[in-house]
PDB file of N, CA and C in Angstrom:
ATOM      1  N   MET A   1      26.391 -34.299 -39.587  1.00  0.00           N
ATOM      2  CA  MET A   1      25.659 -33.250 -40.612  1.00  0.00           C
ATOM      3  C   MET A   1      24.410 -33.559 -39.662  1.00  0.00           C
ATOM      4  N   ASN A   2      23.628 -34.171 -39.138  1.00  0.00           N
ATOM      5  CA  ASN A   2      22.704 -34.879 -38.357  1.00  0.00           C
ATOM      6  C   ASN A   2      22.321 -33.496 -37.031  1.00  0.00           C
ATOM      7  N   LYS A   3      23.641 -33.657 -36.999  1.00  0.00           N
ATOM      8  CA  LYS A   3      24.076 -32.492 -35.923  1.00  0.00           C
ATOM      9  C   LYS A   3      23.557 -31.399 -35.928  1.00  0.00           C
ATOM     10  N   ILE A   4      23.837 -31.268 -37.186  1.00  0.00           N
ATOM     11  CA  ILE A   4      23.554 -29.527 -37.269  1.00  0.00           C
ATOM     12  C   ILE A   4      22.389 -29.291 -37.859  1.00  0.00           C
ATOM     13  N   VAL A   5      21.862 -30.460 -38.691  1.00  0.00           N
ATOM     14  CA  VAL A   5      20.731 -30.194 -39.224  1.00  0.00           C
ATOM     15  C   VAL A   5      19.381 -30.002 -37.662  1.00  0.00           C
ATOM     16  N   ASN A   6      20.186 -31.233 -36.733  1.00  0.00           N
ATOM     17  CA  ASN A   6      18.869 -31.013 -35.502  1.00  0.00           C
ATOM     18  C   ASN A   6      18.752 -29.666 -34.764  1.00  0.00           C
ATOM     19  N   TYR A   7      20.461 -29.342 -34.757  1.00  0.00           N
ATOM     20  CA  TYR A   7      20.224 -27.958 -33.405  1.00  0.00           C
ATOM     21  C   TYR A   7      20.183 -26.654 -34.771  1.00  0.00           C
ATOM     22  N   CYS A   8      19.514 -26.823 -35.829  1.00  0.00           N
ATOM     23  CA  CYS A   8      19.539 -25.490 -36.423  1.00  0.00           C
ATOM     24  C   CYS A   8      17.656 -25.303 -36.550  1.00  0.00           C
ATOM     25  N   LYS A   9      17.415 -26.650 -36.290  1.00  0.00           N
ATOM     26  CA  LYS A   9      15.476 -27.261 -36.214  1.00  0.00           C
ATOM     27  C   LYS A   9      15.467 -26.427 -34.770  1.00  0.00           C
ATOM     28  N   ALA A  10      16.338 -26.514 -33.952  1.00  0.00           N
ATOM     29  CA  ALA A  10      16.288 -27.182 -32.094  1.00  0.00           C
ATOM     30  C   ALA A  10      16.315 -24.895 -32.535  1.00  0.00           C
ATOM     31  N   CYS A  11      17.304 -24.324 -32.850  1.00  0.00           N
ATOM     32  CA  CYS A  11      17.625 -22.764 -33.376  1.00  0.00           C
ATOM     33  C   CYS A  11      15.993 -22.412 -33.349  1.00  0.00           C
ATOM     34  N   TYR A  12      15.928 -22.799 -34.683  1.00  0.00           N
ATOM     35  CA  TYR A  12      14.874 -22.086 -35.540  1.00  0.00           C
ATOM     36  C   TYR A  12      13.174 -22.623 -34.746  1.00  0.00           C
ATOM     37  N   ASP A  13      12.720 -22.783 -33.735  1.00  0.00           N
ATOM     38  CA  ASP A  13      12.035 -23.719 -33.067  1.00  0.00           C
ATOM     39  C   ASP A  13      12.396 -22.867 -31.662  1.00  0.00           C
ATOM     40  N   GLU A  14      13.399 -22.706 -31.079  1.00  0.00           N
ATOM     41  CA  GLU A  14      13.098 -21.560 -29.976  1.00  0.00           C
ATOM     42  C   GLU A  14      12.691 -19.999 -29.995  1.00  0.00           C
ATOM     43  N   LEU A  15      13.492 -20.235 -31.027  1.00  0.00           N
ATOM     44  CA  LEU A  15      13.300 -18.387 -31.816  1.00  0.00           C
ATOM     45  C   LEU A  15      12.250 -18.495 -31.786  1.00  0.00           C
ATOM     46  N   ALA A  16      11.019 -18.873 -32.471  1.00  0.00           N
ATOM     47  CA  ALA A  16       9.965 -18.790 -33.454  1.00  0.00           C
ATOM     48  C   ALA A  16       9.164 -18.987 -32.411  1.00  0.00           C
ATOM     49  N   HIS A  17       8.733 -19.752 -31.516  1.00  0.00           N
ATOM     50  CA  HIS A  17       7.437 -20.236 -30.653  1.00  0.00           C
ATOM     51  C   HIS A  17       7.968 -20.428 -28.983  1.00  0.00           C
ATOM     52  N   LYS A  18       9.463 -20.124 -28.630  1.00  0.00           N
ATOM     53  CA  LYS A  18       9.253 -20.503 -27.097  1.00  0.00           C
ATOM     54  C   LYS A  18      10.205 -18.545 -26.713  1.00  0.00           C
ATOM     55  N   THR A  19      10.521 -18.100 -27.703  1.00  0.00           N
ATOM     56  CA  THR A  19      11.010 -16.723 -27.534  1.00  0.00           C
ATOM     57  C   THR A  19       9.792 -16.152 -27.350  1.00  0.00           C
ATOM     58  N   THR A  20       9.948 -14.777 -26.117  1.00  0.00           N
ATOM     59  CA  THR A  20       8.509 -13.928 -25.811  1.00  0.00           C
ATOM     60  C   THR A  20       9.757 -12.448 -26.758  1.00  0.00           C
ATOM     61  N   TRP A  21       9.089 -11.728 -27.689  1.00  0.00           N
ATOM     62  CA  TRP A  21      10.086 -11.211 -28.092  1.00  0.00           C
ATOM     63  C   TRP A  21       8.781  -9.242 -27.273  1.00  0.00           C
ATOM     64  N   PRO A  22       9.491  -7.975 -26.860  1.00  0.00           N
ATOM     65  CA  PRO A  22       8.938  -6.843 -26.604  1.00  0.00           C
ATOM     66  C   PRO A  22       7.865  -6.806 -27.260  1.00  0.00           C
ATOM     67  N   SER A  23       6.760  -5.395 -26.731  1.00  0.00           N
ATOM     68  CA  SER A  23       6.535  -5.039 -27.258  1.00  0.00           C
ATOM     69  C   SER A  23       6.421  -4.064 -28.108  1.00  0.00           C
ATOM     70  N   TYR A  24       6.649  -2.563 -28.736  1.00  0.00           N
ATOM     71  CA  TYR A  24       6.309  -2.005 -29.116  1.00  0.00           C
ATOM     72  C   TYR A  24       6.840  -0.744 -28.014  1.00  0.00           C
ATOM     73  N   LYS A  25       5.585  -1.360 -27.513  1.00  0.00           N
ATOM     74  CA  LYS A  25       5.928   0.115 -25.842  1.00  0.00           C
ATOM     75  C   LYS A  25       7.319  -0.071 -25.331  1.00  0.00           C
ATOM     76  N   GLN A  26       6.985  -1.032 -25.124  1.00  0.00           N
ATOM     77  CA  GLN A  26       8.257  -1.818 -24.486  1.00  0.00           C
ATOM     78  C   GLN A  26       9.731  -1.614 -24.640  1.00  0.00           C
ATOM     79  N   LEU A  27       9.949  -1.786 -26.194  1.00  0.00           N
ATOM     80  CA  LEU A  27      10.771  -2.027 -27.071  1.00  0.00           C
ATOM     81  C   LEU A  27      11.745  -0.166 -26.585  1.00  0.00           C
ATOM     82  N   THR A  28      10.459   0.937 -27.351  1.00  0.00           N
ATOM     83  CA  THR A  28      10.621   2.755 -27.206  1.00  0.00           C
ATOM     84  C   THR A  28      11.673   3.053 -25.785  1.00  0.00           C
ATOM     85  N   HIS A  29      10.491   2.285 -24.271  1.00  0.00           N
ATOM     86  CA  HIS A  29      10.593   2.774 -23.778  1.00  0.00           C
ATOM     87  C   HIS A  29      11.963   2.284 -22.839  1.00  0.00           C
ATOM     88  N   SER A  30      12.581   0.601 -23.343  1.00  0.00           N
ATOM     89  CA  SER A  30      14.186   0.133 -23.290  1.00  0.00           C
ATOM     90  C   SER A  30      15.062   1.153 -24.006  1.00  0.00           C
ATOM     91  N   ALA A  31      14.018   2.392 -25.478  1.00  0.00           N
ATOM     92  CA  ALA A  31      15.550   3.320 -26.209  1.00  0.00           C
ATOM     93  C   ALA A  31      16.035   4.687 -25.224  1.00  0.00           C
ATOM     94  N   VAL A  32      14.224   5.065 -24.722  1.00  0.00           N
ATOM     95  CA  VAL A  32      15.200   6.196 -24.080  1.00  0.00           C
ATOM     96  C   VAL A  32      15.626   5.474 -23.087  1.00  0.00           C
ATOM     97  N   VAL A  33      15.836   5.128 -21.845  1.00  0.00           N
ATOM     98  CA  VAL A  33      16.636   4.377 -20.872  1.00  0.00           C
ATOM     99  C   VAL A  33      17.764   4.859 -21.817  1.00  0.00           C
ATOM    100  N   VAL A  34      18.036   3.438 -22.309  1.00  0.00           N
ATOM    101  CA  VAL A  34      19.223   3.205 -23.115  1.00  0.00           C
ATOM    102  C   VAL A  34      19.982   4.337 -23.530  1.00  0.00           C
ATOM    103  N   LEU A  35      19.165   5.711 -24.153  1.00  0.00           N
ATOM    104  CA  LEU A  35      19.496   7.827 -24.327  1.00  0.00           C
ATOM    105  C   LEU A  35      19.933   8.237 -23.458  1.00  0.00           C
ATOM    106  N   SER A  36      18.902   7.826 -22.265  1.00  0.00           N
ATOM    107  CA  SER A  36      19.111   8.629 -21.378  1.00  0.00           C
ATOM    108  C   SER A  36      19.896   8.515 -20.608  1.00  0.00           C
ATOM    109  N   ALA A  37      20.684   7.222 -20.843  1.00  0.00           N
ATOM    110  CA  ALA A  37      22.113   6.747 -19.780  1.00  0.00           C
ATOM    111  C   ALA A  37      23.358   6.980 -20.486  1.00  0.00           C
ATOM    112  N   SER A  38      22.943   7.182 -21.283  1.00  0.00           N
ATOM    113  CA  SER A  38      23.800   7.376 -22.583  1.00  0.00           C
ATOM    114  C   SER A  38      24.531   8.606 -21.920  1.00  0.00           C
ATOM    115  N   LEU A  39      23.557   9.414 -22.751  1.00  0.00           N
ATOM    116  CA  LEU A  39      23.519  10.990 -21.890  1.00  0.00           C
ATOM    117  C   LEU A  39      24.079  11.560 -21.597  1.00  0.00           C
ATOM    118  N   VAL A  40      22.883  11.340 -20.210  1.00  0.00           N
ATOM    119  CA  VAL A  40      24.180  11.350 -18.662  1.00  0.00           C
ATOM    120  C   VAL A  40      25.408  10.786 -17.680  1.00  0.00           C
ATOM    121  N   ILE A  41      26.339   9.401 -18.610  1.00  0.00           N
ATOM    122  CA  ILE A  41      26.997   9.383 -18.641  1.00  0.00           C
ATOM    123  C   ILE A  41      28.251  10.044 -19.787  1.00  0.00           C
ATOM    124  N   ALA A  42      27.541  10.916 -20.852  1.00  0.00           N
ATOM    125  CA  ALA A  42      28.835  12.119 -21.274  1.00  0.00           C
ATOM    126  C   ALA A  42      28.646  12.740 -21.148  1.00  0.00           C
ATOM    127  N   LEU A  43      27.518  13.664 -20.388  1.00  0.00           N
ATOM    128  CA  LEU A  43      28.009  14.496 -20.147  1.00  0.00           C
ATOM    129  C   LEU A  43      28.390  14.443 -18.557  1.00  0.00           C
ATOM    130  N   ILE A  44      28.732  13.835 -17.542  1.00  0.00           N
ATOM    131  CA  ILE A  44      29.704  13.401 -16.586  1.00  0.00           C
ATOM    132  C   ILE A  44      30.923  13.201 -17.172  1.00  0.00           C
ATOM    133  N   VAL A  45      31.276  12.326 -18.632  1.00  0.00           N
ATOM    134  CA  VAL A  45      32.668  12.376 -18.527  1.00  0.00           C
ATOM    135  C   VAL A  45      33.238  13.807 -19.306  1.00  0.00           C
ATOM    136  N   PHE A  46      32.685  14.583 -20.507  1.00  0.00           N
ATOM    137  CA  PHE A  46      32.372  15.830 -20.610  1.00  0.00           C
ATOM    138  C   PHE A  46      33.322  16.925 -19.224  1.00  0.00           C
ATOM    139  N   ALA A  47      31.840  16.963 -18.506  1.00  0.00           N
ATOM    140  CA  ALA A  47      32.222  17.632 -17.015  1.00  0.00           C
ATOM    141  C   ALA A  47      33.684  16.931 -16.222  1.00  0.00           C
ATOM    142  N   MET A  48      34.164  16.277 -16.460  1.00  0.00           N
ATOM    143  CA  MET A  48      35.750  15.361 -15.641  1.00  0.00           C
ATOM    144  C   MET A  48      36.520  16.059 -16.880  1.00  0.00           C
ATOM    145  N   ASP A  49      36.287  15.783 -17.879  1.00  0.00           N
ATOM    146  CA  ASP A  49      37.213  16.580 -18.736  1.00  0.00           C
ATOM    147  C   ASP A  49      38.245  17.703 -18.845  1.00  0.00           C
ATOM    148  N   THR A  50      36.558  18.538 -19.315  1.00  0.00           N
ATOM    149  CA  THR A  50      37.144  19.669 -18.486  1.00  0.00           C
ATOM    150  C   THR A  50      37.751  20.283 -17.391  1.00  0.00           C
ATOM    151  N   VAL A  51      37.249  19.492 -15.447  1.00  0.00           N
ATOM    152  CA  VAL A  51      38.135  19.682 -14.865  1.00  0.00           C
ATOM    153  C   VAL A  51      39.266  19.267 -14.901  1.00  0.00           C
ATOM    154  N   PHE A  52      39.602  18.465 -15.643  1.00  0.00           N
ATOM    155  CA  PHE A  52      40.681  17.188 -16.045  1.00  0.00           C
ATOM    156  C   PHE A  52      41.711  19.012 -16.546  1.00  0.00           C
ATOM    157  N   GLN A  53      40.778  19.043 -17.744  1.00  0.00           N
ATOM    158  CA  GLN A  53      41.722  20.149 -18.316  1.00  0.00           C
ATOM    159  C   GLN A  53      42.107  21.250 -17.321  1.00  0.00           C
ATOM    160  N   PHE A  54      40.994  21.976 -16.679  1.00  0.00           N
ATOM    161  CA  PHE A  54      41.665  23.409 -16.352  1.00  0.00           C
ATOM    162  C   PHE A  54      42.521  23.292 -15.044  1.00  0.00           C
ATOM    163  N   VAL A  55      41.869  21.688 -14.282  1.00  0.00           N
ATOM    164  CA  VAL A  55      43.619  22.210 -13.473  1.00  0.00           C
ATOM    165  C   VAL A  55      44.721  21.459 -13.864  1.00  0.00           C
ATOM    166  N   MET A  56      44.614  20.622 -15.636  1.00  0.00           N
ATOM    167  CA  MET A  56      46.210  20.431 -15.777  1.00  0.00           C
ATOM    168  C   MET A  56      46.643  22.571 -16.167  1.00  0.00           C
ATOM    169  N   THR A  57      46.107  22.880 -17.096  1.00  0.00           N
ATOM    170  CA  THR A  57      46.379  24.373 -16.816  1.00  0.00           C
ATOM    171  C   THR A  57      47.279  25.177 -16.233  1.00  0.00           C
ATOM    172  N   THR A  58      46.271  24.937 -15.052  1.00  0.00           N
ATOM    173  CA  THR A  58      46.268  25.686 -13.921  1.00  0.00           C
ATOM    174  C   THR A  58      48.361  24.870 -13.292  1.00  0.00           C
ATOM    175  N   VAL A  59      47.631  24.259 -13.078  1.00  0.00           N
ATOM    176  CA  VAL A  59      49.524  23.402 -13.350  1.00  0.00           C
ATOM    177  C   VAL A  59      50.531  23.677 -14.028  1.00  0.00           C
ATOM    178  N   TYR A  60      50.498  23.387 -14.805  1.00  0.00           N
ATOM    179  CA  TYR A  60      51.473  23.873 -16.307  1.00  0.00           C
ATOM    180  C   TYR A  60      50.475  24.810 -17.385  1.00  0.00           C
ATOM    181  N   PRO A  61      51.053  25.509 -17.154  1.00  0.00           N
ATOM    182  CA  PRO A  61      51.263  27.225 -17.629  1.00  0.00           C
ATOM    183  C   PRO A  61      51.679  26.792 -18.943  1.00  0.00           C
ATOM    184  N   ASN A  62      50.686  27.694 -20.179  1.00  0.00           N
ATOM    185  CA  ASN A  62      51.470  27.295 -21.040  1.00  0.00           C
ATOM    186  C   ASN A  62      52.779  27.888 -21.302  1.00  0.00           C
TER     187      ASN A  62
END
């Protein structure tokens, strides 16, 4: 039981005193980068899906 208590104390100490948290500006910048990358990847997947659908309907018409 003593090991668990020491582990919890060490975790708290690291989170409270040793961890550096990002500033609001850094956090918003990272969020914009992630949202932009997600949008680009979604557009690429959409374009690939559209091309694949066109090829498949050309090869196998209804």
